[in-house]
C-alpha cells in the first residue's frame, strides 16, 4: 500500500541494489533485486494506489482518495477487480461534488467490472437508476431497477429500490 512516490523510491532502491550487486559480482542477488523492481513496476500499473485510496474513501476523506486516484498512470491497465473499485470511488466522489454526468459515466463503467459482491453491484445499479430518474428517463430507470432487483440482497437495498419505484410511478 504505497502511493506513487513511495513505489518510485522503492524501485530506485532495487535498481541501486541490483547495480551494487553487479559491481561486487553477486549475480544472483542482482537478479533478485531486478525481479523485485519488475514486481513493483508491475504492481504500479496493475494495482496502483486504489487500495490506499479505498482506505481514505471508507473513512470519508474523499479529497485524499481523489488525489490518490489521480495518481493512477493508466486506468485501462488496472486489474479488473481494482478497476471496478476505482470507477466506483470515482463515481461516488463525483456524486459528492454534484457532477452527475461524471458520476453516471463512472458508475456505468463500474457496472462492467467485478466488485465486492452482488449487493455492491446492486448499489451501482441503484445509483444509475437514481441518476436516470433525475434526468426523467423512465426507460433507463426501469431497466436499471430491474437489474438492481435481481442483485439486491440486503433489506436496505430493497427499501431504496421501492422508494425509487414510487418516485418513478409519480412521473
Protein backbone atom coordinates (compact mmCIF):
# COMPACT_ATOMS: atom_id res chain seq x y z
CA UNK A 1 0.00 0.00 0.00
CA UNK A 2 2.23 2.74 -1.30
CA UNK A 3 1.45 5.87 -3.19
CA UNK A 4 3.27 6.59 -6.45
CA UNK A 5 6.19 8.39 -4.82
CA UNK A 6 6.74 5.50 -2.43
CA UNK A 7 6.73 2.98 -5.27
CA UNK A 8 9.17 5.10 -7.30
CA UNK A 9 11.51 5.31 -4.30
CA UNK A 10 11.26 1.55 -3.79
CA UNK A 11 12.03 0.92 -7.46
CA UNK A 12 15.07 3.21 -7.21
CA UNK A 13 16.33 1.27 -4.18
CA UNK A 14 16.02 -2.02 -6.07
CA UNK A 15 17.86 -0.62 -9.10
CA UNK A 16 20.67 0.70 -6.90
CA UNK A 17 20.84 -2.62 -5.06
CA UNK A 18 21.00 -4.53 -8.36
CA UNK A 19 23.79 -2.29 -9.65
CA UNK A 20 25.76 -2.64 -6.41
CA UNK A 21 25.34 -6.42 -6.52
CA UNK A 22 26.55 -6.47 -10.13
CA UNK A 23 29.57 -4.37 -9.17
CA UNK A 24 30.54 -6.86 -6.46
CA UNK A 25 29.84 -9.90 -8.64
CA UNK A 26 26.75 -11.08 -6.75
CA UNK A 27 24.72 -12.00 -9.83
CA UNK A 28 22.00 -13.96 -8.03
CA UNK A 29 21.29 -11.09 -5.67
CA UNK A 30 21.33 -8.67 -8.61
CA UNK A 31 18.80 -10.86 -10.41
CA UNK A 32 16.62 -10.97 -7.28
CA UNK A 33 16.76 -7.16 -6.93
CA UNK A 34 15.86 -6.90 -10.62
CA UNK A 35 12.92 -9.24 -10.06
CA UNK A 36 11.71 -7.09 -7.14
CA UNK A 37 12.00 -3.98 -9.32
CA UNK A 38 9.90 -5.64 -12.05
CA UNK A 39 7.33 -6.78 -9.47
CA UNK A 40 6.92 -3.26 -8.05
CA UNK A 41 6.68 -1.84 -11.58
CA UNK A 42 4.01 -4.42 -12.49
CA UNK A 43 2.15 -3.66 -9.26
CA UNK A 44 2.29 0.05 -10.10
CA UNK A 45 0.33 -0.49 -13.30
CA UNK A 46 -1.97 -3.31 -12.19
CA UNK A 47 -2.92 -2.18 -8.67
CA UNK A 48 -1.62 1.37 -8.30
CA UNK A 49 -2.95 3.38 -5.35
CA UNK A 50 -6.51 2.05 -5.48
CA UNK A 51 -6.28 0.10 -2.23
CA UNK A 52 -4.82 3.05 -0.35
CA UNK A 53 -7.48 5.33 -1.86
CA UNK A 54 -10.22 2.93 -0.71
CA UNK A 55 -8.92 3.24 2.85
CA UNK A 56 -9.36 7.01 2.76
CA UNK A 57 -12.67 6.69 0.89
CA UNK A 58 -14.12 4.42 3.57
CA UNK A 59 -13.02 6.89 6.25
CA UNK A 60 -14.84 9.69 4.41
CA UNK A 61 -11.72 11.56 3.30
CA UNK A 62 -12.80 11.97 -0.33
CA UNK A 63 -10.23 14.66 -1.10
CA UNK A 64 -7.27 12.41 -0.27
CA UNK A 65 -8.93 9.48 -2.03
CA UNK A 66 -9.35 11.59 -5.18
CA UNK A 67 -5.70 12.66 -5.05
CA UNK A 68 -4.60 9.03 -4.80
CA UNK A 69 -6.90 8.03 -7.65
CA UNK A 70 -5.37 10.81 -9.75
CA UNK A 71 -2.01 9.05 -9.38
CA UNK A 72 -3.16 6.02 -11.40
CA UNK A 73 -0.95 6.12 -14.52
CA UNK A 74 -3.16 4.18 -16.96
CA UNK A 75 -6.65 3.35 -15.75
CA UNK A 76 -7.29 0.89 -18.58
CA UNK A 77 -4.33 -1.25 -17.41
CA UNK A 78 -5.63 -1.76 -13.87
CA UNK A 79 -6.56 -5.29 -12.85
CA UNK A 80 -10.28 -5.99 -13.28
CA UNK A 81 -11.05 -6.10 -9.56
CA UNK A 82 -9.14 -2.85 -8.97
CA UNK A 83 -10.79 -1.13 -11.94
CA UNK A 84 -14.26 -1.76 -10.52
CA UNK A 85 -13.36 -0.15 -7.21
CA UNK A 86 -11.56 2.68 -8.98
CA UNK A 87 -14.64 3.56 -11.04
CA UNK A 88 -16.97 3.08 -8.05
CA UNK A 89 -14.95 5.50 -5.93
CA UNK A 90 -14.64 8.00 -8.82
CA UNK A 91 -18.42 7.91 -9.27
CA UNK A 92 -19.17 8.45 -5.60
CA UNK A 93 -16.68 11.30 -5.40
CA UNK A 94 -18.36 12.87 -8.45
CA UNK A 95 -21.74 12.48 -6.71
CA UNK A 96 -20.39 14.30 -3.65
CA UNK A 97 -19.25 17.12 -5.95
CA UNK A 98 -22.68 17.07 -7.66
CA UNK A 99 -21.10 16.29 -11.03
CA UNK A 100 -23.87 13.96 -12.16
CA UNK A 101 -22.60 13.41 -15.70
CA UNK A 102 -19.21 12.18 -14.48
CA UNK A 103 -20.90 10.09 -11.79
CA UNK A 104 -23.11 8.36 -14.34
CA UNK A 105 -20.14 7.74 -16.63
CA UNK A 106 -18.07 6.15 -13.86
CA UNK A 107 -21.00 4.10 -12.50
CA UNK A 108 -21.64 2.70 -15.97
CA UNK A 109 -18.02 1.63 -16.25
CA UNK A 110 -18.08 0.21 -12.70
CA UNK A 111 -21.10 -1.90 -13.61
CA UNK A 112 -18.98 -3.79 -16.16
CA UNK A 113 -16.28 -4.83 -13.69
CA UNK A 114 -16.39 -7.11 -10.66
CA UNK A 115 -17.00 -5.50 -7.30
CA UNK A 116 -17.18 -6.96 -3.78
CA UNK A 117 -20.38 -8.90 -4.35
CA UNK A 118 -23.91 -8.90 -5.70
CA UNK A 119 -25.06 -6.23 -3.29
CA UNK A 120 -22.30 -3.83 -4.33
CA UNK A 121 -23.37 -4.27 -7.96
CA UNK A 122 -26.96 -3.67 -6.86
CA UNK A 123 -25.96 -0.33 -5.34
CA UNK A 124 -24.23 0.64 -8.58
CA UNK A 125 -27.48 -0.10 -10.43
CA UNK A 126 -29.46 1.82 -7.80
CA UNK A 127 -27.23 4.85 -8.30
CA UNK A 128 -27.62 4.57 -12.07
CA UNK A 129 -31.41 4.34 -11.77
CA UNK A 130 -31.44 7.32 -9.45
CA UNK A 131 -29.37 9.34 -11.93
CA UNK A 132 -31.73 8.30 -14.75
CA UNK A 133 -34.67 9.33 -12.58
CA UNK A 134 -33.02 12.72 -12.08
CA UNK A 135 -32.94 13.08 -15.88
CA UNK A 136 -36.57 11.83 -16.05
CA UNK A 137 -35.50 8.94 -18.31
CA UNK A 138 -38.12 6.35 -17.35
CA UNK A 139 -36.92 3.60 -19.71
CA UNK A 140 -33.37 3.54 -18.43
CA UNK A 141 -34.51 3.97 -14.84
CA UNK A 142 -36.76 0.90 -15.09
CA UNK A 143 -34.01 -1.15 -16.75
CA UNK A 144 -31.53 -0.30 -14.01
CA UNK A 145 -34.13 -1.03 -11.32
CA UNK A 146 -34.87 -4.46 -12.77
CA UNK A 147 -31.19 -5.32 -12.72
CA UNK A 148 -30.87 -3.95 -9.18
CA UNK A 149 -33.79 -6.12 -8.01
CA UNK A 150 -32.01 -9.22 -9.33
CA UNK A 151 -28.83 -8.35 -7.46
CA UNK A 152 -30.14 -6.79 -4.23
CA UNK A 153 -29.57 -8.87 -1.13
CA UNK A 154 -29.96 -6.55 1.86
CA UNK A 155 -33.20 -5.01 3.13
CA UNK A 156 -31.62 -1.55 2.81
CA UNK A 157 -31.11 -2.03 -0.93
CA UNK A 158 -34.66 -3.32 -1.35
CA UNK A 159 -36.13 -0.34 0.52
CA UNK A 160 -34.17 2.10 -1.67
CA UNK A 161 -35.43 0.30 -4.78
CA UNK A 162 -39.02 0.61 -3.51
CA UNK A 163 -38.56 4.36 -2.92
CA UNK A 164 -37.19 4.89 -6.41
CA UNK A 165 -40.10 2.88 -7.87
CA UNK A 166 -42.58 5.10 -6.04
CA UNK A 167 -40.90 8.22 -7.42
CA UNK A 168 -40.81 6.68 -10.89
CA UNK A 169 -44.53 5.93 -10.81
CA UNK A 170 -45.26 9.55 -9.86
CA UNK A 171 -43.54 10.86 -13.03
